[in-house]
């Protein structure tokens, strides 16, 4: 399946930027919607979310806006699989064309969960029995901040992924292409299961289907 291309232009930001500066930086960048491509129609309680990407010499920047009628996650510590209990914004990243890739999570309370998965074959091999503990990365791979806006029924995520923390030595050049995918677990106290969505056109609910991931193009 043809990957949807996500354009990633340059931005000028830091994590101390105020909300208006963040919006000004990302407003010119077309946002990518999260969808339920595996369904003919979205679920009745589906809530939209959008993601925009930018970069500078040192980092990839991610900005997500997630509409949410019930912002919910009881987990209050890092390095826990919080997607099993509440709302999570998630991204998958394979920057170098190799077999290994990263899975990074952020909760509404800015708690993170980080995995480095050796290959998609290894993931499927261990999926049912449980992922090896050494796939969890405790050293921060990215920085993030979250803004909760329950009055507007949404939350926002700003994340900075430094290239050096991914082990990338050579500078990123315009025209570089990575595989990437964004997804979401949207829980509610009124539902037993979360509503899932993704930026990728998955033909079934499986966020690890790399053949359907997006292509991120640095411009």
N, C-alpha and C. Protein backbone atom coordinates (compact mmCIF):
# COMPACT_ATOMS: atom_id res chain seq x y z
N UNK A 1 0.85 -1.19 0.00
CA UNK A 1 0.00 0.00 0.00
C UNK A 1 0.88 1.24 0.00
N UNK A 2 0.47 2.26 -0.79
CA UNK A 2 1.21 3.51 -0.86
C UNK A 2 1.15 4.23 0.47
N UNK A 3 2.29 4.61 1.02
CA UNK A 3 2.31 5.37 2.26
C UNK A 3 1.86 6.80 2.00
N UNK A 4 1.09 7.37 2.92
CA UNK A 4 0.75 8.78 2.85
C UNK A 4 1.96 9.60 3.29
N UNK A 5 2.32 10.58 2.49
CA UNK A 5 3.50 11.39 2.79
C UNK A 5 3.11 12.52 3.75
N UNK A 6 3.90 12.67 4.82
CA UNK A 6 3.75 13.77 5.75
C UNK A 6 4.90 14.73 5.52
N UNK A 7 4.59 15.97 5.12
CA UNK A 7 5.63 16.97 4.93
C UNK A 7 6.06 17.53 6.27
N UNK A 8 7.36 17.65 6.45
CA UNK A 8 7.93 18.11 7.71
C UNK A 8 8.85 19.30 7.43
N UNK A 9 8.32 20.53 7.49
CA UNK A 9 9.16 21.71 7.23
C UNK A 9 9.92 22.16 8.48
N UNK A 10 10.79 23.10 8.29
CA UNK A 10 11.55 23.64 9.41
C UNK A 10 10.68 24.52 10.30
N UNK A 11 10.97 24.46 11.61
CA UNK A 11 10.30 25.31 12.58
C UNK A 11 11.34 25.88 13.53
N UNK A 12 10.98 26.95 14.21
CA UNK A 12 11.86 27.56 15.22
C UNK A 12 11.11 27.54 16.54
N UNK A 13 11.55 26.64 17.44
CA UNK A 13 10.82 26.39 18.68
C UNK A 13 11.77 26.01 19.80
N UNK A 14 11.27 26.12 21.02
CA UNK A 14 11.87 25.44 22.15
C UNK A 14 10.74 25.05 23.09
N UNK A 15 11.02 24.16 24.03
CA UNK A 15 9.97 23.64 24.91
C UNK A 15 9.44 24.70 25.88
N UNK A 16 10.11 25.85 25.97
CA UNK A 16 9.64 26.93 26.82
C UNK A 16 8.72 27.90 26.07
N UNK A 17 8.52 27.65 24.79
CA UNK A 17 7.67 28.53 24.00
C UNK A 17 6.27 28.57 24.58
N UNK A 18 5.64 29.75 24.58
CA UNK A 18 4.29 29.84 25.10
C UNK A 18 3.31 29.27 24.08
N UNK A 19 2.07 28.99 24.51
CA UNK A 19 1.11 28.34 23.61
C UNK A 19 0.91 29.08 22.29
N UNK A 20 0.91 30.43 22.34
CA UNK A 20 0.71 31.19 21.10
C UNK A 20 1.90 31.01 20.16
N UNK A 21 3.12 30.97 20.70
CA UNK A 21 4.30 30.75 19.86
C UNK A 21 4.26 29.37 19.21
N UNK A 22 3.79 28.37 19.95
CA UNK A 22 3.68 27.03 19.40
C UNK A 22 2.67 27.02 18.25
N UNK A 23 1.52 27.63 18.47
CA UNK A 23 0.50 27.64 17.43
C UNK A 23 0.98 28.41 16.21
N UNK A 24 1.68 29.51 16.43
CA UNK A 24 2.20 30.30 15.31
C UNK A 24 3.19 29.48 14.49
N UNK A 25 4.02 28.69 15.17
CA UNK A 25 5.00 27.87 14.46
C UNK A 25 4.33 26.79 13.61
N UNK A 26 3.24 26.22 14.13
CA UNK A 26 2.62 25.08 13.44
C UNK A 26 1.43 25.45 12.57
N UNK A 27 0.87 26.64 12.72
CA UNK A 27 -0.30 27.01 11.93
C UNK A 27 -0.10 26.88 10.43
N UNK A 28 1.09 27.22 9.88
CA UNK A 28 1.25 27.11 8.43
C UNK A 28 1.40 25.65 7.93
N UNK A 29 1.56 24.70 8.85
CA UNK A 29 1.83 23.32 8.48
C UNK A 29 0.52 22.54 8.44
N UNK A 30 0.15 21.95 7.30
CA UNK A 30 -1.11 21.20 7.23
C UNK A 30 -1.12 20.05 8.24
N UNK A 31 -2.12 19.99 9.13
CA UNK A 31 -2.18 18.90 10.11
C UNK A 31 -2.62 17.60 9.47
N UNK A 32 -2.16 16.50 10.04
CA UNK A 32 -2.52 15.17 9.58
C UNK A 32 -3.60 14.62 10.50
N UNK A 33 -4.76 14.24 9.98
CA UNK A 33 -5.81 13.71 10.87
C UNK A 33 -5.55 12.26 11.26
N UNK A 34 -5.98 11.90 12.45
CA UNK A 34 -6.01 10.49 12.86
C UNK A 34 -7.39 9.94 12.50
N UNK A 35 -7.38 8.74 11.90
CA UNK A 35 -8.61 8.19 11.33
C UNK A 35 -8.79 6.75 11.77
N UNK A 36 -9.88 6.17 11.31
CA UNK A 36 -10.15 4.74 11.48
C UNK A 36 -10.30 4.13 10.09
N UNK A 37 -9.18 4.02 9.39
CA UNK A 37 -9.20 3.59 8.00
C UNK A 37 -9.71 2.16 7.83
N UNK A 38 -9.67 1.38 8.91
CA UNK A 38 -10.11 -0.01 8.84
C UNK A 38 -11.64 -0.13 8.89
N UNK A 39 -12.32 0.99 9.08
CA UNK A 39 -13.78 0.99 9.15
C UNK A 39 -14.36 1.80 7.99
N UNK A 40 -15.55 1.42 7.55
CA UNK A 40 -16.22 2.20 6.52
C UNK A 40 -16.66 3.55 7.07
N UNK A 41 -17.09 3.58 8.32
CA UNK A 41 -17.47 4.81 9.00
C UNK A 41 -16.85 4.81 10.39
N UNK A 42 -16.46 5.99 10.90
CA UNK A 42 -15.92 6.03 12.26
C UNK A 42 -16.96 5.58 13.29
N UNK A 43 -16.47 5.10 14.42
CA UNK A 43 -17.36 4.75 15.51
C UNK A 43 -18.16 5.98 15.96
N UNK A 44 -19.31 5.72 16.54
CA UNK A 44 -20.23 6.81 16.90
C UNK A 44 -19.57 7.83 17.83
N UNK A 45 -18.72 7.37 18.75
CA UNK A 45 -18.11 8.27 19.73
C UNK A 45 -16.68 8.66 19.36
N UNK A 46 -16.31 8.44 18.11
CA UNK A 46 -14.99 8.83 17.62
C UNK A 46 -14.81 10.34 17.76
N UNK A 47 -13.65 10.74 18.31
CA UNK A 47 -13.31 12.16 18.42
C UNK A 47 -12.06 12.43 17.60
N UNK A 48 -12.05 13.52 16.83
CA UNK A 48 -10.92 13.81 15.95
C UNK A 48 -9.64 14.16 16.70
N UNK A 49 -8.53 13.98 16.02
CA UNK A 49 -7.22 14.42 16.49
C UNK A 49 -6.37 14.74 15.27
N UNK A 50 -5.41 15.65 15.44
CA UNK A 50 -4.56 16.06 14.34
C UNK A 50 -3.12 16.16 14.83
N UNK A 51 -2.18 15.92 13.92
CA UNK A 51 -0.75 15.98 14.24
C UNK A 51 -0.03 16.79 13.16
N UNK A 52 0.90 17.64 13.59
CA UNK A 52 1.77 18.36 12.68
C UNK A 52 3.22 18.09 13.06
N UNK A 53 4.10 18.14 12.08
CA UNK A 53 5.52 17.84 12.30
C UNK A 53 6.38 18.98 11.77
N UNK A 54 7.49 19.24 12.47
CA UNK A 54 8.48 20.20 12.02
C UNK A 54 9.86 19.75 12.49
N UNK A 55 10.89 20.43 12.02
CA UNK A 55 12.24 20.03 12.42
C UNK A 55 13.17 21.23 12.43
N UNK A 56 14.25 21.08 13.21
CA UNK A 56 15.38 22.01 13.15
C UNK A 56 16.65 21.17 13.08
N UNK A 57 17.79 21.78 13.22
CA UNK A 57 19.05 21.05 13.03
C UNK A 57 19.24 19.92 14.03
N UNK A 58 18.62 20.03 15.19
CA UNK A 58 18.87 19.07 16.27
C UNK A 58 17.71 18.12 16.55
N UNK A 59 16.50 18.47 16.10
CA UNK A 59 15.34 17.75 16.62
C UNK A 59 14.21 17.64 15.61
N UNK A 60 13.37 16.63 15.84
CA UNK A 60 12.06 16.51 15.23
C UNK A 60 11.03 17.00 16.25
N UNK A 61 10.12 17.86 15.80
CA UNK A 61 9.07 18.41 16.66
C UNK A 61 7.72 17.84 16.26
N UNK A 62 6.93 17.44 17.25
CA UNK A 62 5.60 16.89 17.03
C UNK A 62 4.59 17.71 17.83
N UNK A 63 3.52 18.12 17.17
CA UNK A 63 2.47 18.87 17.84
C UNK A 63 1.14 18.18 17.55
N UNK A 64 0.45 17.74 18.59
CA UNK A 64 -0.81 17.01 18.44
C UNK A 64 -1.91 17.72 19.21
N UNK A 65 -3.08 17.77 18.59
CA UNK A 65 -4.29 18.30 19.22
C UNK A 65 -5.33 17.18 19.20
N UNK A 66 -5.80 16.80 20.39
CA UNK A 66 -6.69 15.65 20.51
C UNK A 66 -8.00 16.08 21.17
N UNK A 67 -9.08 16.06 20.40
CA UNK A 67 -10.39 16.32 21.00
C UNK A 67 -10.75 15.15 21.90
N UNK A 68 -11.34 15.46 23.06
CA UNK A 68 -11.57 14.41 24.05
C UNK A 68 -12.67 14.83 25.01
N UNK A 69 -13.77 14.11 25.00
CA UNK A 69 -14.88 14.43 25.89
C UNK A 69 -14.64 13.99 27.32
N UNK A 70 -13.66 13.11 27.51
CA UNK A 70 -13.43 12.53 28.84
C UNK A 70 -11.93 12.25 28.97
N UNK A 71 -11.16 13.28 29.33
CA UNK A 71 -9.71 13.14 29.41
C UNK A 71 -9.39 12.27 30.63
N UNK A 72 -8.79 11.11 30.37
CA UNK A 72 -8.74 10.08 31.42
C UNK A 72 -7.49 9.23 31.29
N UNK A 73 -6.70 9.17 32.35
CA UNK A 73 -5.68 8.14 32.51
C UNK A 73 -5.24 8.12 33.97
N UNK A 74 -5.45 7.01 34.68
CA UNK A 74 -5.11 6.96 36.10
C UNK A 74 -3.62 6.77 36.39
N UNK A 75 -2.82 6.44 35.38
CA UNK A 75 -1.39 6.18 35.59
C UNK A 75 -0.69 7.49 35.93
N UNK A 76 0.14 7.46 36.97
CA UNK A 76 0.83 8.66 37.42
C UNK A 76 2.33 8.44 37.54
N UNK A 77 2.89 7.60 36.70
CA UNK A 77 4.34 7.42 36.68
C UNK A 77 4.78 7.04 35.27
N UNK A 78 6.06 7.28 35.00
CA UNK A 78 6.63 6.95 33.70
C UNK A 78 6.89 5.45 33.58
N UNK A 79 7.15 5.03 32.35
CA UNK A 79 7.62 3.68 32.03
C UNK A 79 6.60 2.60 32.36
N UNK A 80 5.32 2.97 32.29
CA UNK A 80 4.24 2.01 32.48
C UNK A 80 3.40 1.94 31.21
N UNK A 81 2.85 0.76 30.87
CA UNK A 81 2.00 0.65 29.68
C UNK A 81 0.64 1.30 29.93
N UNK A 82 0.64 2.62 29.99
CA UNK A 82 -0.55 3.37 30.38
C UNK A 82 -1.67 3.25 29.35
N UNK A 83 -1.35 2.82 28.13
CA UNK A 83 -2.38 2.67 27.10
C UNK A 83 -3.38 1.57 27.46
N UNK A 84 -3.04 0.73 28.44
CA UNK A 84 -3.97 -0.31 28.88
C UNK A 84 -5.01 0.23 29.85
N UNK A 85 -4.82 1.46 30.31
CA UNK A 85 -5.71 2.00 31.34
C UNK A 85 -6.37 3.33 30.98
N UNK A 86 -5.81 4.06 30.04
CA UNK A 86 -6.38 5.37 29.76
C UNK A 86 -5.82 6.00 28.50
N UNK A 87 -6.19 7.25 28.29
CA UNK A 87 -5.84 7.98 27.08
C UNK A 87 -4.33 8.01 26.87
N UNK A 88 -3.94 7.83 25.62
CA UNK A 88 -2.52 7.90 25.25
C UNK A 88 -2.40 8.41 23.82
N UNK A 89 -1.43 9.30 23.61
CA UNK A 89 -0.97 9.65 22.27
C UNK A 89 0.31 8.87 22.01
N UNK A 90 0.42 8.27 20.85
CA UNK A 90 1.48 7.31 20.58
C UNK A 90 2.10 7.60 19.21
N UNK A 91 3.40 7.39 19.11
CA UNK A 91 4.02 7.47 17.79
C UNK A 91 5.02 6.35 17.61
N UNK A 92 5.12 5.91 16.37
CA UNK A 92 6.09 4.90 15.95
C UNK A 92 7.07 5.57 15.00
N UNK A 93 8.34 5.20 15.13
CA UNK A 93 9.37 5.91 14.39
C UNK A 93 10.45 4.93 13.95
N UNK A 94 10.71 4.91 12.65
CA UNK A 94 11.82 4.12 12.12
C UNK A 94 12.63 5.05 11.22
N UNK A 95 13.71 5.63 11.77
CA UNK A 95 14.39 6.71 11.06
C UNK A 95 15.42 6.30 10.02
N UNK A 96 15.98 5.12 10.12
CA UNK A 96 17.16 4.84 9.31
C UNK A 96 17.00 3.71 8.31
N UNK A 97 15.79 3.21 8.16
CA UNK A 97 15.59 2.13 7.20
C UNK A 97 16.02 0.78 7.72
N UNK A 98 16.49 0.70 8.97
CA UNK A 98 16.88 -0.58 9.55
C UNK A 98 15.68 -1.35 10.05
N UNK A 99 15.92 -2.43 10.75
CA UNK A 99 14.82 -3.26 11.22
C UNK A 99 14.24 -2.77 12.54
N UNK A 100 15.04 -2.12 13.39
CA UNK A 100 14.55 -1.69 14.70
C UNK A 100 13.75 -0.41 14.58
N UNK A 101 12.84 -0.20 15.54
CA UNK A 101 12.03 1.01 15.54
C UNK A 101 11.64 1.36 16.97
N UNK A 102 11.17 2.59 17.16
CA UNK A 102 10.78 3.08 18.47
C UNK A 102 9.27 3.23 18.55
N UNK A 103 8.74 2.97 19.74
CA UNK A 103 7.34 3.22 20.06
C UNK A 103 7.34 4.12 21.29
N UNK A 104 6.76 5.31 21.17
CA UNK A 104 6.81 6.32 22.22
C UNK A 104 5.39 6.75 22.59
N UNK A 105 5.10 6.81 23.89
CA UNK A 105 3.76 7.16 24.38
C UNK A 105 3.83 8.39 25.27
N UNK A 106 2.75 9.18 25.24
CA UNK A 106 2.56 10.30 26.16
C UNK A 106 1.12 10.26 26.66
N UNK A 107 0.94 10.40 27.97
CA UNK A 107 -0.41 10.45 28.55
C UNK A 107 -0.84 11.90 28.73
N UNK A 108 -2.11 12.15 29.06
CA UNK A 108 -2.55 13.53 29.31
C UNK A 108 -1.84 14.20 30.48
N UNK A 109 -1.24 13.41 31.37
CA UNK A 109 -0.51 13.98 32.49
C UNK A 109 1.00 13.94 32.25
N UNK A 110 1.36 13.77 30.97
CA UNK A 110 2.75 13.84 30.51
C UNK A 110 3.64 12.76 31.11
N UNK A 111 3.08 11.58 31.30
CA UNK A 111 3.90 10.43 31.65
C UNK A 111 4.21 9.66 30.36
N UNK A 112 5.42 9.11 30.31
CA UNK A 112 5.90 8.54 29.05
C UNK A 112 6.22 7.06 29.20
N UNK A 113 6.18 6.39 28.07
CA UNK A 113 6.52 4.97 27.95
C UNK A 113 7.29 4.84 26.64
N UNK A 114 8.48 4.22 26.68
CA UNK A 114 9.36 4.17 25.53
C UNK A 114 9.81 2.74 25.26
N UNK A 115 9.68 2.31 24.04
CA UNK A 115 10.15 0.99 23.63
C UNK A 115 11.07 1.12 22.44
N UNK A 116 12.11 0.30 22.44
CA UNK A 116 12.92 0.10 21.24
C UNK A 116 12.73 -1.36 20.83
N UNK A 117 12.09 -1.58 19.71
CA UNK A 117 11.71 -2.92 19.27
C UNK A 117 12.69 -3.37 18.18
N UNK A 118 13.32 -4.54 18.33
CA UNK A 118 14.37 -4.94 17.39
C UNK A 118 13.90 -5.07 15.95
N UNK A 119 12.66 -5.54 15.75
CA UNK A 119 12.13 -5.71 14.40
C UNK A 119 10.64 -6.00 14.52
N UNK A 120 9.93 -5.84 13.44
CA UNK A 120 8.50 -6.17 13.49
C UNK A 120 8.31 -7.68 13.66
N UNK A 121 9.24 -8.48 13.13
CA UNK A 121 9.15 -9.93 13.33
C UNK A 121 9.29 -10.28 14.80
N UNK A 122 10.23 -9.60 15.49
CA UNK A 122 10.40 -9.85 16.93
C UNK A 122 9.16 -9.43 17.70
N UNK A 123 8.55 -8.32 17.30
CA UNK A 123 7.33 -7.88 17.99
C UNK A 123 6.24 -8.93 17.88
N UNK A 124 5.98 -9.42 16.67
CA UNK A 124 4.90 -10.40 16.50
C UNK A 124 5.23 -11.72 17.20
N UNK A 125 6.50 -12.04 17.28
CA UNK A 125 6.90 -13.27 17.97
C UNK A 125 6.56 -13.20 19.46
N UNK A 126 6.72 -12.01 20.06
CA UNK A 126 6.53 -11.86 21.51
C UNK A 126 5.19 -11.25 21.88
N UNK A 127 4.38 -10.91 20.92
CA UNK A 127 3.16 -10.14 21.20
C UNK A 127 2.24 -10.86 22.19
N UNK A 128 2.03 -12.13 22.01
CA UNK A 128 1.10 -12.85 22.86
C UNK A 128 1.70 -13.21 24.22
N UNK A 129 2.99 -13.55 24.24
CA UNK A 129 3.63 -13.99 25.48
C UNK A 129 4.09 -12.84 26.36
N UNK A 130 4.20 -11.63 25.79
CA UNK A 130 4.67 -10.47 26.54
C UNK A 130 6.00 -9.97 26.01
N UNK A 131 6.13 -8.67 25.89
CA UNK A 131 7.35 -8.09 25.33
C UNK A 131 8.48 -8.16 26.34
N UNK A 132 9.70 -8.47 25.90
CA UNK A 132 10.85 -8.52 26.81
C UNK A 132 11.05 -7.21 27.55
N UNK A 133 11.42 -7.30 28.81
CA UNK A 133 11.57 -6.10 29.64
C UNK A 133 12.69 -5.19 29.13
N UNK A 134 13.71 -5.77 28.47
CA UNK A 134 14.81 -4.92 28.01
C UNK A 134 14.46 -4.11 26.76
N UNK A 135 13.25 -4.24 26.25
CA UNK A 135 12.80 -3.36 25.18
C UNK A 135 12.36 -2.01 25.71
N UNK A 136 12.05 -1.93 27.00
CA UNK A 136 11.66 -0.66 27.61
C UNK A 136 12.90 0.20 27.81
N UNK A 137 12.85 1.45 27.36
CA UNK A 137 13.97 2.38 27.47
C UNK A 137 13.67 3.38 28.57
N UNK A 138 14.53 3.43 29.58
CA UNK A 138 14.32 4.31 30.72
C UNK A 138 15.02 5.66 30.54
N UNK A 139 16.09 5.69 29.78
CA UNK A 139 16.76 6.95 29.50
C UNK A 139 15.89 7.75 28.53
N UNK A 140 15.61 9.02 28.83
CA UNK A 140 14.69 9.79 27.98
C UNK A 140 15.14 9.87 26.52
N UNK A 141 14.25 9.47 25.64
CA UNK A 141 14.50 9.58 24.21
C UNK A 141 13.89 10.86 23.63
N UNK A 142 12.99 11.47 24.39
CA UNK A 142 12.34 12.68 23.91
C UNK A 142 11.85 13.49 25.11
N UNK A 143 11.54 14.75 24.84
CA UNK A 143 10.98 15.65 25.85
C UNK A 143 9.57 16.03 25.40
N UNK A 144 8.69 16.26 26.35
CA UNK A 144 7.32 16.59 25.99
C UNK A 144 6.69 17.47 27.05
N UNK A 145 5.66 18.16 26.62
CA UNK A 145 4.80 18.87 27.56
C UNK A 145 3.37 18.73 27.06
N UNK A 146 2.44 18.75 27.99
CA UNK A 146 1.04 18.53 27.68
C UNK A 146 0.21 19.66 28.27
N UNK A 147 -0.75 20.14 27.51
CA UNK A 147 -1.70 21.14 28.00
C UNK A 147 -3.10 20.52 27.99
N UNK A 148 -3.73 20.49 29.15
CA UNK A 148 -5.10 19.99 29.27
C UNK A 148 -6.08 21.15 29.16
N UNK A 149 -7.08 20.98 28.30
CA UNK A 149 -8.11 22.00 28.14
C UNK A 149 -9.48 21.34 28.24
N UNK A 150 -9.86 20.88 29.44
CA UNK A 150 -11.15 20.20 29.57
C UNK A 150 -12.33 21.10 29.20
N UNK A 151 -12.16 22.43 29.39
CA UNK A 151 -13.24 23.34 29.03
C UNK A 151 -13.48 23.35 27.52
N UNK A 152 -12.43 23.03 26.75
CA UNK A 152 -12.56 22.94 25.29
C UNK A 152 -12.65 21.50 24.81
N UNK A 153 -12.68 20.58 25.76
CA UNK A 153 -12.74 19.15 25.45
C UNK A 153 -11.61 18.72 24.52
N UNK A 154 -10.38 19.05 24.94
CA UNK A 154 -9.22 18.63 24.17
C UNK A 154 -7.97 18.69 25.03
N UNK A 155 -6.91 18.04 24.55
CA UNK A 155 -5.58 18.17 25.14
C UNK A 155 -4.56 18.26 24.01
N UNK A 156 -3.45 18.89 24.32
CA UNK A 156 -2.41 19.15 23.33
C UNK A 156 -1.09 18.56 23.81
N UNK A 157 -0.31 18.07 22.85
CA UNK A 157 1.02 17.52 23.14
C UNK A 157 2.04 18.23 22.26
N UNK A 158 3.12 18.69 22.87
CA UNK A 158 4.29 19.17 22.14
C UNK A 158 5.45 18.28 22.52
N UNK A 159 6.06 17.63 21.54
CA UNK A 159 7.16 16.71 21.82
C UNK A 159 8.37 17.07 20.96
N UNK A 160 9.53 16.94 21.58
CA UNK A 160 10.81 17.19 20.88
C UNK A 160 11.63 15.91 20.95
N UNK A 161 11.98 15.38 19.78
CA UNK A 161 12.80 14.18 19.69
C UNK A 161 14.15 14.58 19.14
N UNK A 162 15.16 14.60 19.99
CA UNK A 162 16.49 14.99 19.54
C UNK A 162 17.12 13.87 18.73
N UNK A 163 17.65 14.21 17.58
CA UNK A 163 18.24 13.20 16.70
C UNK A 163 19.36 12.42 17.39
N UNK A 164 20.16 13.10 18.19
CA UNK A 164 21.29 12.45 18.86
C UNK A 164 20.81 11.36 19.82
N UNK A 165 19.63 11.57 20.45
CA UNK A 165 19.14 10.58 21.40
C UNK A 165 18.66 9.32 20.69
N UNK A 166 18.42 9.41 19.40
CA UNK A 166 18.07 8.23 18.61
C UNK A 166 19.32 7.54 18.07
N UNK A 167 20.48 8.07 18.41
CA UNK A 167 21.73 7.48 17.93
C UNK A 167 22.13 7.94 16.55
N UNK A 168 21.49 9.00 16.04
CA UNK A 168 21.80 9.50 14.70
C UNK A 168 22.95 10.49 14.79
N UNK A 169 23.99 10.23 14.06
CA UNK A 169 25.20 11.06 14.13
C UNK A 169 25.24 12.11 13.03
N UNK A 170 24.90 11.71 11.82
CA UNK A 170 24.99 12.64 10.68
C UNK A 170 23.82 13.62 10.70
N UNK A 171 24.06 14.86 10.31
CA UNK A 171 22.98 15.85 10.28
C UNK A 171 21.86 15.42 9.33
N UNK A 172 20.64 15.76 9.69
CA UNK A 172 19.51 15.51 8.82
C UNK A 172 19.56 16.49 7.65
N UNK A 173 19.29 16.00 6.45
CA UNK A 173 19.29 16.82 5.26
C UNK A 173 17.86 16.96 4.73
N UNK A 174 17.58 18.08 4.10
CA UNK A 174 16.30 18.23 3.42
C UNK A 174 16.16 17.13 2.38
N UNK A 175 15.00 16.50 2.34
CA UNK A 175 14.77 15.37 1.45
C UNK A 175 14.89 14.03 2.14
N UNK A 176 15.42 14.02 3.38
CA UNK A 176 15.49 12.78 4.14
C UNK A 176 14.08 12.25 4.40
N UNK A 177 13.91 10.92 4.34
CA UNK A 177 12.61 10.31 4.55
C UNK A 177 12.69 9.26 5.65
N UNK A 178 11.74 9.30 6.57
CA UNK A 178 11.61 8.32 7.64
C UNK A 178 10.25 7.67 7.55
N UNK A 179 10.11 6.50 8.15
CA UNK A 179 8.80 5.91 8.37
C UNK A 179 8.30 6.34 9.74
N UNK A 180 7.02 6.72 9.80
CA UNK A 180 6.45 7.22 11.04
C UNK A 180 4.95 6.90 11.06
N UNK A 181 4.40 6.81 12.24
CA UNK A 181 2.96 6.64 12.37
C UNK A 181 2.53 7.18 13.72
N UNK A 182 1.37 7.83 13.75
CA UNK A 182 0.80 8.38 14.98
C UNK A 182 -0.50 7.65 15.27
N UNK A 183 -0.75 7.41 16.53
CA UNK A 183 -1.99 6.72 16.89
C UNK A 183 -2.47 7.18 18.26
N UNK A 184 -3.66 6.70 18.61
CA UNK A 184 -4.30 7.21 19.80
C UNK A 184 -5.19 6.15 20.44
N UNK A 185 -5.18 6.14 21.78
CA UNK A 185 -6.13 5.36 22.58
C UNK A 185 -7.01 6.37 23.31
N UNK A 186 -8.29 6.39 22.98
CA UNK A 186 -9.22 7.35 23.57
C UNK A 186 -10.20 6.59 24.46
N UNK A 187 -9.98 6.67 25.77
CA UNK A 187 -10.82 5.98 26.74
C UNK A 187 -11.94 6.88 27.23
N UNK A 188 -12.95 6.26 27.82
CA UNK A 188 -14.04 6.98 28.47
C UNK A 188 -14.56 6.13 29.62
N UNK A 189 -15.03 6.79 30.66
CA UNK A 189 -15.61 6.06 31.79
C UNK A 189 -16.89 5.33 31.39
N UNK A 190 -17.46 5.71 30.26
CA UNK A 190 -18.72 5.11 29.81
C UNK A 190 -18.52 3.96 28.82
N UNK A 191 -17.26 3.61 28.52
CA UNK A 191 -16.98 2.54 27.56
C UNK A 191 -16.03 1.52 28.17
N UNK A 192 -16.19 0.27 27.78
CA UNK A 192 -15.29 -0.78 28.26
C UNK A 192 -13.97 -0.77 27.49
N UNK A 193 -14.00 -0.36 26.23
CA UNK A 193 -12.82 -0.39 25.38
C UNK A 193 -12.53 1.00 24.82
N UNK A 194 -11.26 1.29 24.56
CA UNK A 194 -10.93 2.59 23.97
C UNK A 194 -11.30 2.65 22.49
N UNK A 195 -11.48 3.86 22.00
CA UNK A 195 -11.62 4.08 20.57
C UNK A 195 -10.23 4.37 20.02
N UNK A 196 -9.83 3.63 19.01
CA UNK A 196 -8.49 3.72 18.43
C UNK A 196 -8.53 4.50 17.12
N UNK A 197 -7.44 5.19 16.83
CA UNK A 197 -7.31 5.87 15.55
C UNK A 197 -5.84 6.00 15.21
N UNK A 198 -5.56 6.28 13.93
CA UNK A 198 -4.17 6.32 13.46
C UNK A 198 -4.05 7.26 12.27
N UNK A 199 -2.86 7.81 12.10
CA UNK A 199 -2.57 8.60 10.89
C UNK A 199 -2.35 7.71 9.69
N UNK A 200 -2.09 6.43 9.91
CA UNK A 200 -1.81 5.49 8.83
C UNK A 200 -3.08 4.80 8.37
N UNK A 201 -3.13 4.44 7.11
CA UNK A 201 -4.31 3.79 6.54
C UNK A 201 -4.26 2.29 6.79
N UNK A 202 -4.36 1.92 8.04
CA UNK A 202 -4.32 0.50 8.39
C UNK A 202 -5.61 -0.19 7.92
N UNK A 203 -5.44 -1.36 7.30
CA UNK A 203 -6.61 -2.09 6.83
C UNK A 203 -7.22 -2.94 7.95
N UNK A 204 -6.48 -3.08 9.06
CA UNK A 204 -7.04 -3.71 10.26
C UNK A 204 -6.37 -3.06 11.46
N UNK A 205 -6.94 -3.32 12.65
CA UNK A 205 -6.44 -2.64 13.86
C UNK A 205 -5.15 -3.30 14.31
N UNK A 206 -4.05 -2.78 13.79
CA UNK A 206 -2.72 -3.27 14.14
C UNK A 206 -1.75 -2.16 13.80
N UNK A 207 -1.36 -1.39 14.81
CA UNK A 207 -0.53 -0.22 14.60
C UNK A 207 0.90 -0.57 14.19
N UNK A 208 1.29 -1.82 14.29
CA UNK A 208 2.65 -2.23 13.95
C UNK A 208 2.78 -2.67 12.48
N UNK A 209 1.74 -2.52 11.70
CA UNK A 209 1.80 -2.86 10.27
C UNK A 209 2.58 -1.77 9.54
N UNK A 210 3.90 -1.95 9.46
CA UNK A 210 4.77 -0.92 8.93
C UNK A 210 4.54 -0.64 7.44
N UNK A 211 4.03 -1.61 6.72
CA UNK A 211 3.79 -1.40 5.30
C UNK A 211 2.71 -0.33 5.06
N UNK A 212 1.99 0.04 6.12
CA UNK A 212 0.95 1.06 6.00
C UNK A 212 1.30 2.36 6.74
N UNK A 213 2.50 2.42 7.30
CA UNK A 213 2.90 3.63 8.00
C UNK A 213 3.05 4.80 7.03
N UNK A 214 3.08 6.00 7.60
CA UNK A 214 3.32 7.19 6.81
C UNK A 214 4.79 7.34 6.46
N UNK A 215 5.03 8.14 5.44
CA UNK A 215 6.39 8.51 5.06
C UNK A 215 6.59 9.96 5.45
N UNK A 216 7.50 10.21 6.38
CA UNK A 216 7.81 11.56 6.84
C UNK A 216 8.93 12.12 5.98
N UNK A 217 8.68 13.25 5.33
CA UNK A 217 9.68 13.85 4.46
C UNK A 217 10.10 15.21 4.99
N UNK A 218 11.40 15.31 5.32
CA UNK A 218 11.97 16.58 5.81
C UNK A 218 12.14 17.53 4.63
N UNK A 219 11.55 18.72 4.74
CA UNK A 219 11.65 19.69 3.63
C UNK A 219 12.10 21.04 4.15
